[in-house]
Amino acid sequence: AMVLQYQGRVDDALQVLQQGLQLRPDVNLYSRLGEIRFDQGNYVAAADAMEKAVLGNPQNYENWIGLANALIQLPEKKADARIAYEKARELLMGRLEQRPGDGWLMVTIAIIHARIGEGKESLIMLNKALELAPNNPDVHFQAACAYELMGRRESALTEIDKAKQLGFSEAKIRSEPILKELLKTM
């Protein structure tokens, strides 16, 4: 399903996932289904799939973030999104204690801080993450999202440019709801 998705064959990827889930419910299949539905803008279906992924593996911070990202797109679920973000942050902080020099973990925590309105904490983590991972396009992309959430558009644009220069997917940038308004100005 992942290969099909990356080839742009999303309908085929969804069919493979649905077939797999009919055979046996699986955390990884639900997570991938949630990601695809999120990218399609179907946030209700994304939240449903990610909730099943969280139930199957409540110690996976990525599933909590996926759930929170889908829920925050649904106005009536903003409080639930915050709870999911806080759970993801708690899991991430435990990992960061074990790997204090991990720029990816730091930028992931930074975006959570930005999502829940903790701009000062987000900026501290962003600066550390970008210092530790200056050549990681994923870190620059996440930094762009965090900056946009905090209303720092110039910084967001700079980070988008860096992510693109390092090979980050243009399609993934365009599908990110956080960047929707910013991309209209480009």
N, C-alpha and C. Protein backbone atom coordinates (compact mmCIF):
# COMPACT_ATOMS: atom_id res chain seq x y z
N ALA A 1 0.82 -1.20 0.00
CA ALA A 1 0.00 0.00 0.00
C ALA A 1 0.86 1.26 0.00
N MET A 2 1.96 1.22 0.75
CA MET A 2 2.82 2.39 0.82
C MET A 2 3.47 2.66 -0.55
N VAL A 3 3.92 1.62 -1.20
CA VAL A 3 4.53 1.78 -2.52
C VAL A 3 3.51 2.33 -3.50
N LEU A 4 2.31 1.79 -3.47
CA LEU A 4 1.25 2.27 -4.36
C LEU A 4 0.94 3.74 -4.08
N GLN A 5 0.88 4.09 -2.82
CA GLN A 5 0.61 5.49 -2.45
C GLN A 5 1.69 6.40 -3.00
N TYR A 6 2.95 6.01 -2.83
CA TYR A 6 4.05 6.85 -3.31
C TYR A 6 4.08 6.94 -4.83
N GLN A 7 3.50 5.94 -5.50
CA GLN A 7 3.41 5.97 -6.96
C GLN A 7 2.22 6.80 -7.43
N GLY A 8 1.45 7.33 -6.48
CA GLY A 8 0.28 8.12 -6.83
C GLY A 8 -0.95 7.27 -7.10
N ARG A 9 -0.87 6.01 -6.80
CA ARG A 9 -1.99 5.08 -7.03
C ARG A 9 -2.76 4.90 -5.71
N VAL A 10 -3.36 5.99 -5.27
CA VAL A 10 -3.99 6.02 -3.96
C VAL A 10 -5.18 5.07 -3.88
N ASP A 11 -6.00 5.02 -4.92
CA ASP A 11 -7.15 4.10 -4.90
C ASP A 11 -6.70 2.65 -4.76
N ASP A 12 -5.62 2.29 -5.46
CA ASP A 12 -5.08 0.94 -5.34
C ASP A 12 -4.54 0.69 -3.93
N ALA A 13 -3.88 1.69 -3.37
CA ALA A 13 -3.36 1.57 -2.00
C ALA A 13 -4.50 1.36 -1.01
N LEU A 14 -5.56 2.12 -1.18
CA LEU A 14 -6.72 1.97 -0.29
C LEU A 14 -7.34 0.58 -0.42
N GLN A 15 -7.39 0.07 -1.63
CA GLN A 15 -7.95 -1.27 -1.85
C GLN A 15 -7.10 -2.34 -1.14
N VAL A 16 -5.79 -2.21 -1.24
CA VAL A 16 -4.90 -3.16 -0.56
C VAL A 16 -5.10 -3.08 0.95
N LEU A 17 -5.19 -1.87 1.48
CA LEU A 17 -5.40 -1.70 2.92
C LEU A 17 -6.73 -2.30 3.37
N GLN A 18 -7.78 -2.04 2.61
CA GLN A 18 -9.10 -2.57 2.96
C GLN A 18 -9.08 -4.11 2.94
N GLN A 19 -8.42 -4.67 1.94
CA GLN A 19 -8.31 -6.13 1.86
C GLN A 19 -7.55 -6.68 3.08
N GLY A 20 -6.47 -6.02 3.43
CA GLY A 20 -5.70 -6.45 4.59
C GLY A 20 -6.50 -6.37 5.88
N LEU A 21 -7.26 -5.29 6.03
CA LEU A 21 -8.07 -5.13 7.24
C LEU A 21 -9.22 -6.14 7.30
N GLN A 22 -9.70 -6.57 6.15
CA GLN A 22 -10.74 -7.61 6.14
C GLN A 22 -10.18 -8.94 6.63
N LEU A 23 -8.92 -9.19 6.29
CA LEU A 23 -8.28 -10.43 6.74
C LEU A 23 -7.98 -10.40 8.23
N ARG A 24 -7.44 -9.25 8.68
CA ARG A 24 -7.04 -9.14 10.08
C ARG A 24 -6.80 -7.68 10.43
N PRO A 25 -7.48 -7.18 11.45
CA PRO A 25 -7.21 -5.81 11.90
C PRO A 25 -5.75 -5.69 12.31
N ASP A 26 -5.11 -4.58 11.93
CA ASP A 26 -3.69 -4.40 12.20
C ASP A 26 -3.41 -2.92 12.42
N VAL A 27 -2.62 -2.63 13.44
CA VAL A 27 -2.27 -1.26 13.80
C VAL A 27 -1.63 -0.53 12.61
N ASN A 28 -0.69 -1.17 11.95
CA ASN A 28 0.03 -0.52 10.85
C ASN A 28 -0.90 -0.22 9.67
N LEU A 29 -1.82 -1.14 9.41
CA LEU A 29 -2.77 -0.90 8.31
C LEU A 29 -3.70 0.27 8.65
N TYR A 30 -4.17 0.31 9.88
CA TYR A 30 -5.03 1.43 10.28
C TYR A 30 -4.26 2.76 10.23
N SER A 31 -3.02 2.74 10.65
CA SER A 31 -2.21 3.95 10.62
C SER A 31 -2.02 4.45 9.18
N ARG A 32 -1.67 3.57 8.28
CA ARG A 32 -1.48 3.95 6.87
C ARG A 32 -2.80 4.44 6.28
N LEU A 33 -3.91 3.77 6.61
CA LEU A 33 -5.22 4.20 6.13
C LEU A 33 -5.53 5.60 6.63
N GLY A 34 -5.23 5.85 7.90
CA GLY A 34 -5.44 7.18 8.46
C GLY A 34 -4.63 8.24 7.76
N GLU A 35 -3.39 7.93 7.44
CA GLU A 35 -2.53 8.89 6.73
C GLU A 35 -3.08 9.22 5.34
N ILE A 36 -3.52 8.20 4.64
CA ILE A 36 -4.05 8.43 3.30
C ILE A 36 -5.33 9.26 3.37
N ARG A 37 -6.22 8.88 4.28
CA ARG A 37 -7.48 9.63 4.42
C ARG A 37 -7.20 11.08 4.82
N PHE A 38 -6.21 11.29 5.68
CA PHE A 38 -5.84 12.65 6.07
C PHE A 38 -5.37 13.43 4.85
N ASP A 39 -4.47 12.84 4.06
CA ASP A 39 -3.96 13.51 2.86
C ASP A 39 -5.08 13.83 1.88
N GLN A 40 -6.14 13.02 1.89
CA GLN A 40 -7.28 13.26 1.01
C GLN A 40 -8.22 14.33 1.58
N GLY A 41 -8.00 14.72 2.82
CA GLY A 41 -8.87 15.71 3.45
C GLY A 41 -10.11 15.10 4.09
N ASN A 42 -10.15 13.78 4.20
CA ASN A 42 -11.27 13.09 4.85
C ASN A 42 -10.89 12.89 6.31
N TYR A 43 -11.07 13.93 7.10
CA TYR A 43 -10.59 13.94 8.48
C TYR A 43 -11.40 13.04 9.41
N VAL A 44 -12.67 12.86 9.13
CA VAL A 44 -13.48 11.95 9.94
C VAL A 44 -12.97 10.53 9.78
N ALA A 45 -12.76 10.10 8.54
CA ALA A 45 -12.25 8.75 8.29
C ALA A 45 -10.82 8.61 8.82
N ALA A 46 -10.03 9.67 8.69
CA ALA A 46 -8.66 9.63 9.20
C ALA A 46 -8.67 9.45 10.71
N ALA A 47 -9.51 10.21 11.40
CA ALA A 47 -9.59 10.11 12.86
C ALA A 47 -10.06 8.73 13.29
N ASP A 48 -11.02 8.18 12.57
CA ASP A 48 -11.51 6.84 12.89
C ASP A 48 -10.39 5.81 12.76
N ALA A 49 -9.66 5.85 11.66
CA ALA A 49 -8.57 4.90 11.44
C ALA A 49 -7.46 5.09 12.48
N MET A 50 -7.11 6.35 12.76
CA MET A 50 -6.03 6.60 13.72
C MET A 50 -6.44 6.22 15.14
N GLU A 51 -7.72 6.36 15.46
CA GLU A 51 -8.18 5.93 16.78
C GLU A 51 -7.99 4.43 16.94
N LYS A 52 -8.27 3.68 15.89
CA LYS A 52 -8.05 2.23 15.93
C LYS A 52 -6.56 1.91 16.04
N ALA A 53 -5.72 2.69 15.38
CA ALA A 53 -4.28 2.49 15.50
C ALA A 53 -3.81 2.76 16.93
N VAL A 54 -4.33 3.83 17.55
CA VAL A 54 -3.97 4.16 18.93
C VAL A 54 -4.43 3.05 19.88
N LEU A 55 -5.63 2.56 19.68
CA LEU A 55 -6.12 1.48 20.54
C LEU A 55 -5.26 0.23 20.42
N GLY A 56 -4.75 0.00 19.22
CA GLY A 56 -3.91 -1.17 18.99
C GLY A 56 -2.50 -1.03 19.53
N ASN A 57 -2.02 0.21 19.61
CA ASN A 57 -0.67 0.46 20.14
C ASN A 57 -0.63 1.83 20.80
N PRO A 58 -1.08 1.91 22.05
CA PRO A 58 -1.16 3.20 22.73
C PRO A 58 0.20 3.79 23.11
N GLN A 59 1.29 3.07 22.89
CA GLN A 59 2.62 3.59 23.21
C GLN A 59 3.32 4.20 21.99
N ASN A 60 2.63 4.24 20.85
CA ASN A 60 3.21 4.78 19.62
C ASN A 60 2.83 6.25 19.49
N TYR A 61 3.80 7.13 19.69
CA TYR A 61 3.51 8.57 19.64
C TYR A 61 3.02 9.00 18.26
N GLU A 62 3.49 8.36 17.21
CA GLU A 62 3.08 8.74 15.85
C GLU A 62 1.58 8.53 15.65
N ASN A 63 1.05 7.46 16.22
CA ASN A 63 -0.39 7.23 16.11
C ASN A 63 -1.18 8.31 16.85
N TRP A 64 -0.68 8.71 18.02
CA TRP A 64 -1.34 9.78 18.77
C TRP A 64 -1.31 11.10 18.00
N ILE A 65 -0.18 11.38 17.37
CA ILE A 65 -0.08 12.61 16.57
C ILE A 65 -1.02 12.54 15.38
N GLY A 66 -1.06 11.39 14.71
CA GLY A 66 -1.97 11.23 13.58
C GLY A 66 -3.42 11.43 14.00
N LEU A 67 -3.77 10.88 15.15
CA LEU A 67 -5.13 11.07 15.67
C LEU A 67 -5.38 12.55 15.97
N ALA A 68 -4.46 13.17 16.66
CA ALA A 68 -4.62 14.59 17.01
C ALA A 68 -4.71 15.46 15.77
N ASN A 69 -3.86 15.20 14.78
CA ASN A 69 -3.89 15.99 13.54
C ASN A 69 -5.22 15.88 12.82
N ALA A 70 -5.82 14.70 12.84
CA ALA A 70 -7.14 14.55 12.21
C ALA A 70 -8.22 15.22 13.05
N LEU A 71 -8.18 15.01 14.36
CA LEU A 71 -9.21 15.59 15.23
C LEU A 71 -9.21 17.12 15.21
N ILE A 72 -8.03 17.72 15.12
CA ILE A 72 -7.96 19.18 15.18
C ILE A 72 -8.62 19.82 13.96
N GLN A 73 -8.78 19.05 12.89
CA GLN A 73 -9.45 19.55 11.69
C GLN A 73 -10.97 19.56 11.84
N LEU A 74 -11.46 18.90 12.90
CA LEU A 74 -12.90 18.80 13.15
C LEU A 74 -13.25 19.74 14.31
N PRO A 75 -13.95 20.84 14.03
CA PRO A 75 -14.18 21.87 15.06
C PRO A 75 -14.73 21.33 16.39
N GLU A 76 -15.56 20.34 16.34
CA GLU A 76 -16.16 19.82 17.57
C GLU A 76 -15.21 18.89 18.34
N LYS A 77 -14.03 18.63 17.80
CA LYS A 77 -13.09 17.68 18.41
C LYS A 77 -11.78 18.33 18.86
N LYS A 78 -11.74 19.65 18.94
CA LYS A 78 -10.50 20.35 19.29
C LYS A 78 -9.99 19.95 20.69
N ALA A 79 -10.88 19.79 21.66
CA ALA A 79 -10.46 19.40 23.01
C ALA A 79 -9.87 17.99 22.99
N ASP A 80 -10.46 17.10 22.22
CA ASP A 80 -9.93 15.74 22.10
C ASP A 80 -8.56 15.77 21.41
N ALA A 81 -8.40 16.66 20.45
CA ALA A 81 -7.12 16.79 19.76
C ALA A 81 -6.04 17.21 20.76
N ARG A 82 -6.34 18.16 21.61
CA ARG A 82 -5.35 18.61 22.60
C ARG A 82 -4.93 17.46 23.51
N ILE A 83 -5.87 16.66 23.94
CA ILE A 83 -5.55 15.51 24.79
C ILE A 83 -4.63 14.54 24.05
N ALA A 84 -4.92 14.30 22.79
CA ALA A 84 -4.08 13.40 21.99
C ALA A 84 -2.68 13.99 21.79
N TYR A 85 -2.60 15.30 21.54
CA TYR A 85 -1.28 15.93 21.41
C TYR A 85 -0.49 15.81 22.72
N GLU A 86 -1.16 16.03 23.83
CA GLU A 86 -0.47 15.96 25.12
C GLU A 86 0.04 14.55 25.39
N LYS A 87 -0.74 13.54 25.00
CA LYS A 87 -0.29 12.15 25.17
C LYS A 87 0.92 11.89 24.27
N ALA A 88 0.88 12.36 23.04
CA ALA A 88 2.02 12.20 22.14
C ALA A 88 3.27 12.87 22.71
N ARG A 89 3.11 14.07 23.24
CA ARG A 89 4.24 14.81 23.81
C ARG A 89 4.84 14.06 25.00
N GLU A 90 3.97 13.51 25.83
CA GLU A 90 4.44 12.73 26.98
C GLU A 90 5.30 11.54 26.51
N LEU A 91 4.83 10.84 25.50
CA LEU A 91 5.59 9.70 24.97
C LEU A 91 6.91 10.17 24.33
N LEU A 92 6.85 11.28 23.62
CA LEU A 92 8.05 11.82 22.98
C LEU A 92 9.10 12.28 24.00
N MET A 93 8.66 12.89 25.06
CA MET A 93 9.61 13.38 26.07
C MET A 93 10.39 12.20 26.67
N GLY A 94 9.72 11.08 26.85
CA GLY A 94 10.42 9.89 27.33
C GLY A 94 11.50 9.44 26.36
N ARG A 95 11.19 9.48 25.08
CA ARG A 95 12.18 9.11 24.07
C ARG A 95 13.31 10.12 23.99
N LEU A 96 12.98 11.40 24.12
CA LEU A 96 13.99 12.44 24.04
C LEU A 96 14.99 12.33 25.19
N GLU A 97 14.53 11.89 26.35
CA GLU A 97 15.45 11.66 27.46
C GLU A 97 16.50 10.62 27.11
N GLN A 98 16.10 9.63 26.32
CA GLN A 98 17.03 8.58 25.90
C GLN A 98 17.91 9.02 24.74
N ARG A 99 17.40 9.95 23.90
CA ARG A 99 18.14 10.41 22.72
C ARG A 99 18.10 11.93 22.66
N PRO A 100 18.81 12.61 23.56
CA PRO A 100 18.71 14.07 23.67
C PRO A 100 19.22 14.84 22.45
N GLY A 101 19.92 14.20 21.55
CA GLY A 101 20.43 14.90 20.37
C GLY A 101 19.64 14.61 19.11
N ASP A 102 18.43 14.12 19.26
CA ASP A 102 17.61 13.74 18.11
C ASP A 102 16.77 14.93 17.63
N GLY A 103 17.18 15.52 16.51
CA GLY A 103 16.48 16.68 15.95
C GLY A 103 15.06 16.38 15.54
N TRP A 104 14.81 15.16 15.04
CA TRP A 104 13.44 14.81 14.63
C TRP A 104 12.51 14.81 15.84
N LEU A 105 12.93 14.20 16.93
CA LEU A 105 12.08 14.18 18.12
C LEU A 105 11.82 15.61 18.60
N MET A 106 12.85 16.45 18.56
CA MET A 106 12.69 17.83 19.02
C MET A 106 11.72 18.62 18.16
N VAL A 107 11.83 18.49 16.84
CA VAL A 107 10.91 19.25 15.98
C VAL A 107 9.49 18.72 16.13
N THR A 108 9.36 17.45 16.39
CA THR A 108 8.02 16.88 16.59
C THR A 108 7.40 17.43 17.87
N ILE A 109 8.19 17.53 18.91
CA ILE A 109 7.70 18.14 20.15
C ILE A 109 7.40 19.62 19.92
N ALA A 110 8.25 20.29 19.15
CA ALA A 110 8.05 21.72 18.87
C ALA A 110 6.71 21.97 18.19
N ILE A 111 6.36 21.14 17.24
CA ILE A 111 5.08 21.35 16.54
C ILE A 111 3.91 21.08 17.47
N ILE A 112 4.07 20.13 18.38
CA ILE A 112 3.01 19.90 19.36
C ILE A 112 2.85 21.13 20.25
N HIS A 113 3.95 21.68 20.71
CA HIS A 113 3.87 22.91 21.52
C HIS A 113 3.15 24.01 20.73
N ALA A 114 3.50 24.15 19.46
CA ALA A 114 2.85 25.18 18.64
C ALA A 114 1.36 24.89 18.50
N ARG A 115 1.00 23.65 18.31
CA ARG A 115 -0.41 23.26 18.14
C ARG A 115 -1.25 23.61 19.36
N ILE A 116 -0.66 23.49 20.54
CA ILE A 116 -1.46 23.72 21.75
C ILE A 116 -1.20 25.09 22.36
N GLY A 117 -0.58 25.97 21.56
CA GLY A 117 -0.45 27.36 21.96
C GLY A 117 0.72 27.69 22.86
N GLU A 118 1.72 26.85 22.89
CA GLU A 118 2.90 27.08 23.71
C GLU A 118 4.06 27.53 22.82
N GLY A 119 3.95 28.76 22.32
CA GLY A 119 4.91 29.28 21.35
C GLY A 119 6.34 29.38 21.86
N LYS A 120 6.52 29.83 23.08
CA LYS A 120 7.86 30.00 23.63
C LYS A 120 8.59 28.65 23.67
N GLU A 121 7.91 27.63 24.17
CA GLU A 121 8.49 26.30 24.25
C GLU A 121 8.77 25.75 22.85
N SER A 122 7.87 26.04 21.92
CA SER A 122 8.05 25.59 20.55
C SER A 122 9.31 26.18 19.93
N LEU A 123 9.51 27.48 20.11
CA LEU A 123 10.69 28.14 19.53
C LEU A 123 11.99 27.57 20.09
N ILE A 124 12.02 27.28 21.36
CA ILE A 124 13.22 26.70 21.97
C ILE A 124 13.54 25.35 21.32
N MET A 125 12.53 24.52 21.18
CA MET A 125 12.73 23.20 20.57
C MET A 125 13.06 23.31 19.09
N LEU A 126 12.43 24.25 18.39
CA LEU A 126 12.72 24.44 16.96
C LEU A 126 14.18 24.81 16.74
N ASN A 127 14.67 25.75 17.52
CA ASN A 127 16.06 26.17 17.37
C ASN A 127 17.02 25.01 17.58
N LYS A 128 16.75 24.20 18.60
CA LYS A 128 17.61 23.04 18.86
C LYS A 128 17.50 22.02 17.72
N ALA A 129 16.30 21.77 17.27
CA ALA A 129 16.09 20.77 16.20
C ALA A 129 16.80 21.17 14.92
N LEU A 130 16.67 22.42 14.53
CA LEU A 130 17.30 22.89 13.29
C LEU A 130 18.82 22.90 13.41
N GLU A 131 19.31 23.15 14.59
CA GLU A 131 20.76 23.10 14.81
C GLU A 131 21.28 21.66 14.71
N LEU A 132 20.52 20.73 15.26
CA LEU A 132 20.94 19.33 15.26
C LEU A 132 20.76 18.63 13.91
N ALA A 133 19.79 19.07 13.13
CA ALA A 133 19.47 18.37 11.88
C ALA A 133 19.35 19.35 10.71
N PRO A 134 20.42 20.07 10.39
CA PRO A 134 20.33 21.10 9.36
C PRO A 134 20.09 20.57 7.94
N ASN A 135 20.33 19.29 7.72
CA ASN A 135 20.18 18.73 6.38
C ASN A 135 19.02 17.75 6.28
N ASN A 136 18.13 17.78 7.24
CA ASN A 136 16.99 16.87 7.24
C ASN A 136 15.76 17.61 6.69
N PRO A 137 15.30 17.23 5.49
CA PRO A 137 14.15 17.95 4.91
C PRO A 137 12.88 17.81 5.73
N ASP A 138 12.70 16.68 6.41
CA ASP A 138 11.51 16.49 7.25
C ASP A 138 11.50 17.45 8.42
N VAL A 139 12.67 17.69 9.00
CA VAL A 139 12.77 18.63 10.12
C VAL A 139 12.43 20.04 9.65
N HIS A 140 12.93 20.42 8.48
CA HIS A 140 12.63 21.76 7.96
C HIS A 140 11.14 21.90 7.64
N PHE A 141 10.53 20.84 7.09
CA PHE A 141 9.10 20.89 6.79
C PHE A 141 8.29 21.05 8.08
N GLN A 142 8.61 20.26 9.09
CA GLN A 142 7.88 20.37 10.36
C GLN A 142 8.11 21.74 11.00
N ALA A 143 9.32 22.26 10.86
CA ALA A 143 9.60 23.60 11.39
C ALA A 143 8.73 24.64 10.68
N ALA A 144 8.57 24.49 9.36
CA ALA A 144 7.70 25.41 8.62
C ALA A 144 6.28 25.36 9.17
N CYS A 145 5.80 24.17 9.45
CA CYS A 145 4.45 24.03 10.00
C CYS A 145 4.34 24.69 11.37
N ALA A 146 5.34 24.47 12.21
CA ALA A 146 5.32 25.09 13.54
C ALA A 146 5.35 26.60 13.44
N TYR A 147 6.22 27.13 12.58
CA TYR A 147 6.28 28.59 12.42
C TYR A 147 4.95 29.15 11.91
N GLU A 148 4.33 28.47 10.97
CA GLU A 148 3.04 28.94 10.46
C GLU A 148 1.98 28.93 11.56
N LEU A 149 1.97 27.90 12.36
CA LEU A 149 1.02 27.84 13.48
C LEU A 149 1.19 29.00 14.44
N MET A 150 2.43 29.47 14.57
CA MET A 150 2.71 30.58 15.49
C MET A 150 2.61 31.94 14.80
N GLY A 151 2.22 31.95 13.53
CA GLY A 151 2.07 33.21 12.81
C GLY A 151 3.38 33.81 12.33
N ARG A 152 4.41 33.02 12.23
CA ARG A 152 5.72 33.49 11.77
C ARG A 152 5.92 33.07 10.32
N ARG A 153 5.23 33.76 9.44
CA ARG A 153 5.17 33.38 8.03
C ARG A 153 6.51 33.43 7.32
N GLU A 154 7.29 34.46 7.57
CA GLU A 154 8.59 34.55 6.88
C GLU A 154 9.47 33.35 7.25
N SER A 155 9.48 32.99 8.51
CA SER A 155 10.25 31.83 8.94
C SER A 155 9.70 30.55 8.32
N ALA A 156 8.37 30.47 8.24
CA ALA A 156 7.75 29.30 7.62
C ALA A 156 8.16 29.18 6.16
N LEU A 157 8.12 30.29 5.43
CA LEU A 157 8.52 30.27 4.01
C LEU A 157 9.98 29.87 3.85
N THR A 158 10.83 30.37 4.71
CA THR A 158 12.25 30.01 4.66
C THR A 158 12.43 28.51 4.85
N GLU A 159 11.71 27.95 5.80
CA GLU A 159 11.83 26.52 6.07
C GLU A 159 11.24 25.67 4.95
N ILE A 160 10.16 26.15 4.32
CA ILE A 160 9.61 25.43 3.16
C ILE A 160 10.66 25.39 2.05
N ASP A 161 11.29 26.52 1.79
CA ASP A 161 12.33 26.57 0.76
C ASP A 161 13.47 25.61 1.07
N LYS A 162 13.90 25.56 2.32
CA LYS A 162 14.98 24.66 2.70
C LYS A 162 14.56 23.20 2.53
N ALA A 163 13.32 22.89 2.95
CA ALA A 163 12.82 21.52 2.80
C ALA A 163 12.80 21.10 1.33
N LYS A 164 12.32 22.00 0.46
CA LYS A 164 12.30 21.72 -0.98
C LYS A 164 13.71 21.50 -1.52
N GLN A 165 14.63 22.38 -1.14
CA GLN A 165 16.01 22.26 -1.61
C GLN A 165 16.62 20.92 -1.20
N LEU A 166 16.19 20.41 -0.07
CA LEU A 166 16.72 19.13 0.42
C LEU A 166 15.92 17.94 -0.09
N GLY A 167 14.94 18.20 -0.98
CA GLY A 167 14.22 17.12 -1.65
C GLY A 167 12.87 16.74 -1.07
N PHE A 168 12.32 17.58 -0.19
CA PHE A 168 11.01 17.26 0.38
C PHE A 168 9.93 17.32 -0.71
N SER A 169 8.95 16.46 -0.63
CA SER A 169 7.90 16.33 -1.62
C SER A 169 7.01 17.57 -1.72
N GLU A 170 6.92 18.11 -2.91
CA GLU A 170 6.04 19.25 -3.18
C GLU A 170 4.58 18.87 -2.92
N ALA A 171 4.22 17.65 -3.29
CA ALA A 171 2.84 17.18 -3.08
C ALA A 171 2.50 17.13 -1.59
N LYS A 172 3.44 16.68 -0.78
CA LYS A 172 3.20 16.62 0.67
C LYS A 172 3.06 18.02 1.25
N ILE A 173 3.84 18.95 0.75
CA ILE A 173 3.73 20.34 1.20
C ILE A 173 2.34 20.88 0.86
N ARG A 174 1.89 20.64 -0.36
CA ARG A 174 0.57 21.15 -0.79
C ARG A 174 -0.58 20.48 -0.04
N SER A 175 -0.38 19.25 0.44
CA SER A 175 -1.48 18.56 1.12
C SER A 175 -1.57 18.87 2.61
N GLU A 176 -0.61 19.62 3.13
CA GLU A 176 -0.59 19.91 4.57
C GLU A 176 -1.57 21.04 4.90
N PRO A 177 -2.63 20.73 5.69
CA PRO A 177 -3.63 21.75 6.02
C PRO A 177 -3.05 22.97 6.75
N ILE A 178 -2.03 22.78 7.55
CA ILE A 178 -1.44 23.91 8.28
C ILE A 178 -0.95 24.97 7.31
N LEU A 179 -0.45 24.54 6.17
CA LEU A 179 0.17 25.46 5.22
C LEU A 179 -0.77 25.98 4.15
N LYS A 180 -2.03 25.59 4.21
CA LYS A 180 -2.99 25.93 3.16
C LYS A 180 -3.06 27.43 2.89
N GLU A 181 -3.24 28.24 3.91
CA GLU A 181 -3.35 29.69 3.72
C GLU A 181 -2.02 30.30 3.28
N LEU A 182 -0.94 29.80 3.84
CA LEU A 182 0.39 30.31 3.47
C LEU A 182 0.67 30.06 1.98
N LEU A 183 0.32 28.88 1.50
CA LEU A 183 0.61 28.54 0.11
C LEU A 183 -0.19 29.39 -0.87
N LYS A 184 -1.31 29.92 -0.44
CA LYS A 184 -2.10 30.82 -1.29
C LYS A 184 -1.33 32.11 -1.59
N THR A 185 -0.41 32.48 -0.71
CA THR A 185 0.35 33.72 -0.87
C THR A 185 1.58 33.53 -1.76
N MET A 186 1.88 32.30 -2.07
CA MET A 186 3.10 32.01 -2.86
C MET A 186 2.82 32.04 -4.35
